[in-house]
Amino acid sequence: MRIAAPHIVLVAAVLAGCAESRVAGTLLYMTPYRFEEFDCTELRKRATAAAALVKNQEELMDRAGASAAGPFVNAMVYGPDHSRAVWELRLYQDEIARKNCDAPPSLVE
């Protein structure tokens, strides 16, 4: 049993490191070409809604964190929803940047 314990800890550490990787999040939360049909206005509207959802999740996590069971509740109940909301916001922000939505309008016609 003592020999297996370090291996279990190592596997847990490796998997925990992958939990917030950009590639893993993209693969888990994004459907290919999901945002292609959205114009810049729609992307900004959805990014604003996603930011509000992230803020709401963080407020819930802060409230739960005040109790004795707060860390457990945050990890088990609010953690997955918060992680998904953060990734969705990142995906919208990345697509806004990719489509160059924040650039000033071109003067050349």
N, C-alpha and C. Protein backbone atom coordinates (compact mmCIF):
# COMPACT_ATOMS: atom_id res chain seq x y z
N MET A 1 0.82 -1.20 0.00
CA MET A 1 0.00 0.00 0.00
C MET A 1 0.86 1.25 0.00
N ARG A 2 2.00 1.20 0.69
CA ARG A 2 2.86 2.37 0.74
C ARG A 2 3.47 2.67 -0.62
N ILE A 3 3.66 1.66 -1.42
CA ILE A 3 4.22 1.88 -2.75
C ILE A 3 3.19 2.52 -3.66
N ALA A 4 1.93 2.17 -3.52
CA ALA A 4 0.89 2.72 -4.38
C ALA A 4 0.53 4.16 -4.04
N ALA A 5 0.69 4.57 -2.80
CA ALA A 5 0.31 5.92 -2.37
C ALA A 5 1.01 7.01 -3.16
N PRO A 6 2.33 6.96 -3.37
CA PRO A 6 2.97 8.02 -4.16
C PRO A 6 2.46 8.06 -5.60
N HIS A 7 2.16 6.90 -6.16
CA HIS A 7 1.65 6.86 -7.52
C HIS A 7 0.27 7.50 -7.61
N ILE A 8 -0.55 7.26 -6.61
CA ILE A 8 -1.89 7.86 -6.59
C ILE A 8 -1.80 9.37 -6.48
N VAL A 9 -0.89 9.83 -5.63
CA VAL A 9 -0.70 11.28 -5.46
C VAL A 9 -0.18 11.89 -6.76
N LEU A 10 0.74 11.19 -7.42
CA LEU A 10 1.28 11.69 -8.69
C LEU A 10 0.20 11.79 -9.76
N VAL A 11 -0.60 10.75 -9.88
CA VAL A 11 -1.69 10.76 -10.87
C VAL A 11 -2.68 11.89 -10.56
N ALA A 12 -3.02 12.06 -9.30
CA ALA A 12 -3.95 13.13 -8.91
C ALA A 12 -3.37 14.50 -9.24
N ALA A 13 -2.07 14.69 -9.01
CA ALA A 13 -1.43 15.97 -9.30
C ALA A 13 -1.42 16.25 -10.80
N VAL A 14 -1.14 15.23 -11.59
CA VAL A 14 -1.12 15.40 -13.04
C VAL A 14 -2.51 15.75 -13.55
N LEU A 15 -3.51 15.05 -13.08
CA LEU A 15 -4.88 15.33 -13.51
C LEU A 15 -5.35 16.69 -13.04
N ALA A 16 -4.97 17.11 -11.87
CA ALA A 16 -5.35 18.43 -11.36
C ALA A 16 -4.71 19.52 -12.21
N GLY A 17 -3.50 19.29 -12.67
CA GLY A 17 -2.84 20.26 -13.53
C GLY A 17 -3.53 20.42 -14.87
N CYS A 18 -4.19 19.38 -15.33
CA CYS A 18 -4.88 19.43 -16.61
C CYS A 18 -6.27 20.06 -16.49
N ALA A 19 -6.74 20.20 -15.29
CA ALA A 19 -8.12 20.65 -15.09
C ALA A 19 -8.39 22.01 -15.69
N GLU A 20 -7.45 22.90 -15.64
CA GLU A 20 -7.68 24.24 -16.15
C GLU A 20 -6.84 24.56 -17.38
N SER A 21 -6.34 23.53 -18.06
CA SER A 21 -5.54 23.83 -19.24
C SER A 21 -6.43 24.35 -20.36
N ARG A 22 -5.88 25.19 -21.17
CA ARG A 22 -6.65 25.84 -22.24
C ARG A 22 -7.14 24.81 -23.27
N VAL A 23 -6.30 23.86 -23.59
CA VAL A 23 -6.68 22.85 -24.57
C VAL A 23 -7.82 21.98 -24.04
N ALA A 24 -7.70 21.54 -22.80
CA ALA A 24 -8.75 20.69 -22.21
C ALA A 24 -10.07 21.45 -22.15
N GLY A 25 -10.02 22.71 -21.77
CA GLY A 25 -11.24 23.50 -21.70
C GLY A 25 -11.87 23.70 -23.07
N THR A 26 -11.04 23.93 -24.06
CA THR A 26 -11.56 24.11 -25.41
C THR A 26 -12.21 22.83 -25.91
N LEU A 27 -11.57 21.70 -25.65
CA LEU A 27 -12.13 20.43 -26.11
C LEU A 27 -13.41 20.07 -25.37
N LEU A 28 -13.48 20.40 -24.08
CA LEU A 28 -14.65 20.03 -23.29
C LEU A 28 -15.85 20.94 -23.55
N TYR A 29 -15.61 22.22 -23.75
CA TYR A 29 -16.70 23.18 -23.76
C TYR A 29 -17.02 23.77 -25.12
N MET A 30 -16.26 23.48 -26.13
CA MET A 30 -16.50 24.13 -27.42
C MET A 30 -16.85 23.11 -28.48
N THR A 31 -17.87 23.41 -29.21
CA THR A 31 -18.21 22.65 -30.39
C THR A 31 -17.51 23.32 -31.57
N PRO A 32 -16.84 22.57 -32.43
CA PRO A 32 -16.14 23.21 -33.55
C PRO A 32 -17.07 24.09 -34.37
N TYR A 33 -16.60 25.26 -34.70
CA TYR A 33 -17.32 26.23 -35.53
C TYR A 33 -18.61 26.72 -34.87
N ARG A 34 -18.68 26.62 -33.57
CA ARG A 34 -19.89 27.02 -32.85
C ARG A 34 -20.16 28.52 -32.98
N PHE A 35 -19.11 29.31 -33.07
CA PHE A 35 -19.28 30.76 -33.06
C PHE A 35 -19.17 31.39 -34.44
N GLU A 36 -18.98 30.62 -35.45
CA GLU A 36 -18.82 31.16 -36.80
C GLU A 36 -20.03 31.96 -37.27
N GLU A 37 -21.21 31.54 -36.87
CA GLU A 37 -22.42 32.20 -37.36
C GLU A 37 -22.75 33.50 -36.63
N PHE A 38 -22.04 33.79 -35.54
CA PHE A 38 -22.34 34.99 -34.77
C PHE A 38 -21.54 36.18 -35.28
N ASP A 39 -22.21 37.33 -35.40
CA ASP A 39 -21.50 38.55 -35.74
C ASP A 39 -20.96 39.18 -34.46
N CYS A 40 -20.25 40.29 -34.58
CA CYS A 40 -19.59 40.90 -33.43
C CYS A 40 -20.60 41.36 -32.37
N THR A 41 -21.74 41.88 -32.80
CA THR A 41 -22.76 42.34 -31.85
C THR A 41 -23.27 41.18 -31.01
N GLU A 42 -23.56 40.07 -31.65
CA GLU A 42 -24.06 38.90 -30.93
C GLU A 42 -23.00 38.33 -30.00
N LEU A 43 -21.75 38.31 -30.45
CA LEU A 43 -20.67 37.81 -29.60
C LEU A 43 -20.51 38.68 -28.36
N ARG A 44 -20.57 40.01 -28.54
CA ARG A 44 -20.45 40.90 -27.38
C ARG A 44 -21.61 40.71 -26.41
N LYS A 45 -22.82 40.54 -26.95
CA LYS A 45 -23.99 40.33 -26.10
C LYS A 45 -23.85 39.04 -25.30
N ARG A 46 -23.40 37.99 -25.94
CA ARG A 46 -23.22 36.71 -25.26
C ARG A 46 -22.06 36.76 -24.27
N ALA A 47 -21.01 37.49 -24.59
CA ALA A 47 -19.88 37.63 -23.67
C ALA A 47 -20.31 38.39 -22.42
N THR A 48 -21.16 39.40 -22.59
CA THR A 48 -21.67 40.16 -21.44
C THR A 48 -22.52 39.25 -20.55
N ALA A 49 -23.36 38.43 -21.16
CA ALA A 49 -24.19 37.50 -20.39
C ALA A 49 -23.32 36.47 -19.67
N ALA A 50 -22.27 36.00 -20.34
CA ALA A 50 -21.37 35.03 -19.72
C ALA A 50 -20.60 35.66 -18.55
N ALA A 51 -20.21 36.93 -18.70
CA ALA A 51 -19.52 37.63 -17.61
C ALA A 51 -20.44 37.80 -16.41
N ALA A 52 -21.72 38.08 -16.66
CA ALA A 52 -22.68 38.19 -15.56
C ALA A 52 -22.86 36.85 -14.86
N LEU A 53 -22.86 35.77 -15.62
CA LEU A 53 -22.98 34.43 -15.04
C LEU A 53 -21.76 34.10 -14.17
N VAL A 54 -20.57 34.45 -14.65
CA VAL A 54 -19.35 34.23 -13.87
C VAL A 54 -19.42 35.02 -12.57
N LYS A 55 -19.85 36.27 -12.65
CA LYS A 55 -19.96 37.09 -11.44
C LYS A 55 -20.96 36.49 -10.46
N ASN A 56 -22.09 36.02 -10.97
CA ASN A 56 -23.11 35.39 -10.12
C ASN A 56 -22.54 34.14 -9.44
N GLN A 57 -21.83 33.31 -10.19
CA GLN A 57 -21.24 32.10 -9.63
C GLN A 57 -20.21 32.45 -8.54
N GLU A 58 -19.42 33.49 -8.78
CA GLU A 58 -18.43 33.90 -7.79
C GLU A 58 -19.09 34.41 -6.51
N GLU A 59 -20.21 35.13 -6.65
CA GLU A 59 -20.94 35.59 -5.47
C GLU A 59 -21.49 34.41 -4.67
N LEU A 60 -22.03 33.41 -5.38
CA LEU A 60 -22.53 32.21 -4.70
C LEU A 60 -21.40 31.48 -3.98
N MET A 61 -20.24 31.39 -4.64
CA MET A 61 -19.10 30.71 -4.03
C MET A 61 -18.60 31.48 -2.80
N ASP A 62 -18.61 32.81 -2.86
CA ASP A 62 -18.19 33.61 -1.72
C ASP A 62 -19.12 33.41 -0.53
N ARG A 63 -20.43 33.38 -0.81
CA ARG A 63 -21.41 33.16 0.26
C ARG A 63 -21.23 31.78 0.88
N ALA A 64 -21.05 30.78 0.04
CA ALA A 64 -20.89 29.42 0.55
C ALA A 64 -19.57 29.27 1.29
N GLY A 65 -18.56 30.01 0.88
CA GLY A 65 -17.25 29.92 1.51
C GLY A 65 -17.23 30.39 2.96
N ALA A 66 -18.25 31.13 3.36
CA ALA A 66 -18.31 31.64 4.73
C ALA A 66 -18.67 30.55 5.74
N SER A 67 -19.28 29.47 5.27
CA SER A 67 -19.69 28.40 6.19
C SER A 67 -18.56 27.39 6.37
N ALA A 68 -18.75 26.51 7.33
CA ALA A 68 -17.73 25.49 7.61
C ALA A 68 -17.57 24.51 6.44
N ALA A 69 -18.66 24.20 5.77
CA ALA A 69 -18.61 23.27 4.65
C ALA A 69 -18.40 23.99 3.32
N GLY A 70 -18.07 25.27 3.37
CA GLY A 70 -17.93 26.09 2.17
C GLY A 70 -17.00 25.53 1.11
N PRO A 71 -15.78 25.15 1.46
CA PRO A 71 -14.88 24.62 0.44
C PRO A 71 -15.43 23.37 -0.26
N PHE A 72 -16.07 22.50 0.51
CA PHE A 72 -16.66 21.30 -0.08
C PHE A 72 -17.81 21.67 -1.01
N VAL A 73 -18.67 22.56 -0.56
CA VAL A 73 -19.81 22.99 -1.39
C VAL A 73 -19.32 23.68 -2.65
N ASN A 74 -18.30 24.52 -2.51
CA ASN A 74 -17.77 25.20 -3.69
C ASN A 74 -17.19 24.21 -4.70
N ALA A 75 -16.45 23.23 -4.21
CA ALA A 75 -15.83 22.26 -5.11
C ALA A 75 -16.84 21.34 -5.78
N MET A 76 -17.83 20.92 -5.01
CA MET A 76 -18.77 19.92 -5.54
C MET A 76 -19.97 20.53 -6.26
N VAL A 77 -20.47 21.64 -5.78
CA VAL A 77 -21.71 22.20 -6.33
C VAL A 77 -21.42 23.33 -7.31
N TYR A 78 -20.69 24.34 -6.86
CA TYR A 78 -20.49 25.52 -7.69
C TYR A 78 -19.28 25.43 -8.60
N GLY A 79 -18.31 24.61 -8.25
CA GLY A 79 -17.07 24.52 -9.02
C GLY A 79 -17.25 24.19 -10.49
N PRO A 80 -17.96 23.12 -10.83
CA PRO A 80 -18.13 22.79 -12.25
C PRO A 80 -18.89 23.87 -13.03
N ASP A 81 -19.93 24.43 -12.42
CA ASP A 81 -20.68 25.48 -13.11
C ASP A 81 -19.82 26.73 -13.31
N HIS A 82 -19.04 27.06 -12.31
CA HIS A 82 -18.16 28.23 -12.42
C HIS A 82 -17.11 28.00 -13.49
N SER A 83 -16.53 26.83 -13.51
CA SER A 83 -15.50 26.51 -14.50
C SER A 83 -16.06 26.60 -15.92
N ARG A 84 -17.24 26.06 -16.11
CA ARG A 84 -17.88 26.13 -17.43
C ARG A 84 -18.19 27.57 -17.82
N ALA A 85 -18.67 28.37 -16.88
CA ALA A 85 -18.98 29.77 -17.18
C ALA A 85 -17.72 30.55 -17.55
N VAL A 86 -16.63 30.29 -16.84
CA VAL A 86 -15.37 30.97 -17.14
C VAL A 86 -14.87 30.57 -18.53
N TRP A 87 -14.96 29.29 -18.85
CA TRP A 87 -14.51 28.84 -20.18
C TRP A 87 -15.38 29.42 -21.29
N GLU A 88 -16.67 29.49 -21.05
CA GLU A 88 -17.56 30.06 -22.06
C GLU A 88 -17.20 31.53 -22.30
N LEU A 89 -16.96 32.26 -21.23
CA LEU A 89 -16.56 33.66 -21.36
C LEU A 89 -15.24 33.77 -22.13
N ARG A 90 -14.27 32.92 -21.81
CA ARG A 90 -12.99 32.94 -22.52
C ARG A 90 -13.17 32.64 -24.01
N LEU A 91 -14.03 31.70 -24.31
CA LEU A 91 -14.26 31.35 -25.72
C LEU A 91 -14.88 32.52 -26.48
N TYR A 92 -15.83 33.20 -25.86
CA TYR A 92 -16.42 34.38 -26.52
C TYR A 92 -15.37 35.47 -26.70
N GLN A 93 -14.55 35.70 -25.68
CA GLN A 93 -13.50 36.72 -25.78
C GLN A 93 -12.48 36.36 -26.86
N ASP A 94 -12.12 35.09 -26.94
CA ASP A 94 -11.18 34.65 -27.98
C ASP A 94 -11.78 34.85 -29.38
N GLU A 95 -13.05 34.54 -29.52
CA GLU A 95 -13.69 34.69 -30.83
C GLU A 95 -13.82 36.17 -31.20
N ILE A 96 -14.10 37.02 -30.22
CA ILE A 96 -14.16 38.47 -30.47
C ILE A 96 -12.79 38.96 -30.95
N ALA A 97 -11.75 38.48 -30.32
CA ALA A 97 -10.39 38.86 -30.73
C ALA A 97 -10.06 38.29 -32.11
N ARG A 98 -10.45 37.05 -32.36
CA ARG A 98 -10.16 36.42 -33.65
C ARG A 98 -10.85 37.14 -34.80
N LYS A 99 -12.08 37.57 -34.56
CA LYS A 99 -12.83 38.28 -35.60
C LYS A 99 -12.48 39.76 -35.65
N ASN A 100 -11.59 40.20 -34.75
CA ASN A 100 -11.14 41.58 -34.70
C ASN A 100 -12.31 42.54 -34.50
N CYS A 101 -13.20 42.20 -33.60
CA CYS A 101 -14.40 42.99 -33.35
C CYS A 101 -14.09 44.30 -32.63
N ASP A 102 -12.98 44.36 -31.94
CA ASP A 102 -12.65 45.56 -31.19
C ASP A 102 -11.87 46.57 -32.00
N ALA A 103 -11.57 46.26 -33.23
CA ALA A 103 -10.80 47.18 -34.07
C ALA A 103 -11.69 48.34 -34.51
N PRO A 104 -11.10 49.52 -34.65
CA PRO A 104 -11.89 50.65 -35.15
C PRO A 104 -12.28 50.41 -36.61
N PRO A 105 -13.37 50.99 -37.07
CA PRO A 105 -13.80 50.78 -38.45
C PRO A 105 -12.75 51.31 -39.43
N SER A 106 -12.64 50.65 -40.53
CA SER A 106 -11.67 51.02 -41.55
C SER A 106 -12.11 52.29 -42.26
N LEU A 107 -11.16 53.16 -42.56
CA LEU A 107 -11.47 54.40 -43.28
C LEU A 107 -11.43 54.19 -44.78
N VAL A 108 -10.85 53.10 -45.22
CA VAL A 108 -10.76 52.79 -46.64
C VAL A 108 -12.04 52.12 -47.08
N GLU A 109 -12.64 52.64 -48.14
CA GLU A 109 -13.88 52.05 -48.65
C GLU A 109 -13.71 51.49 -50.02
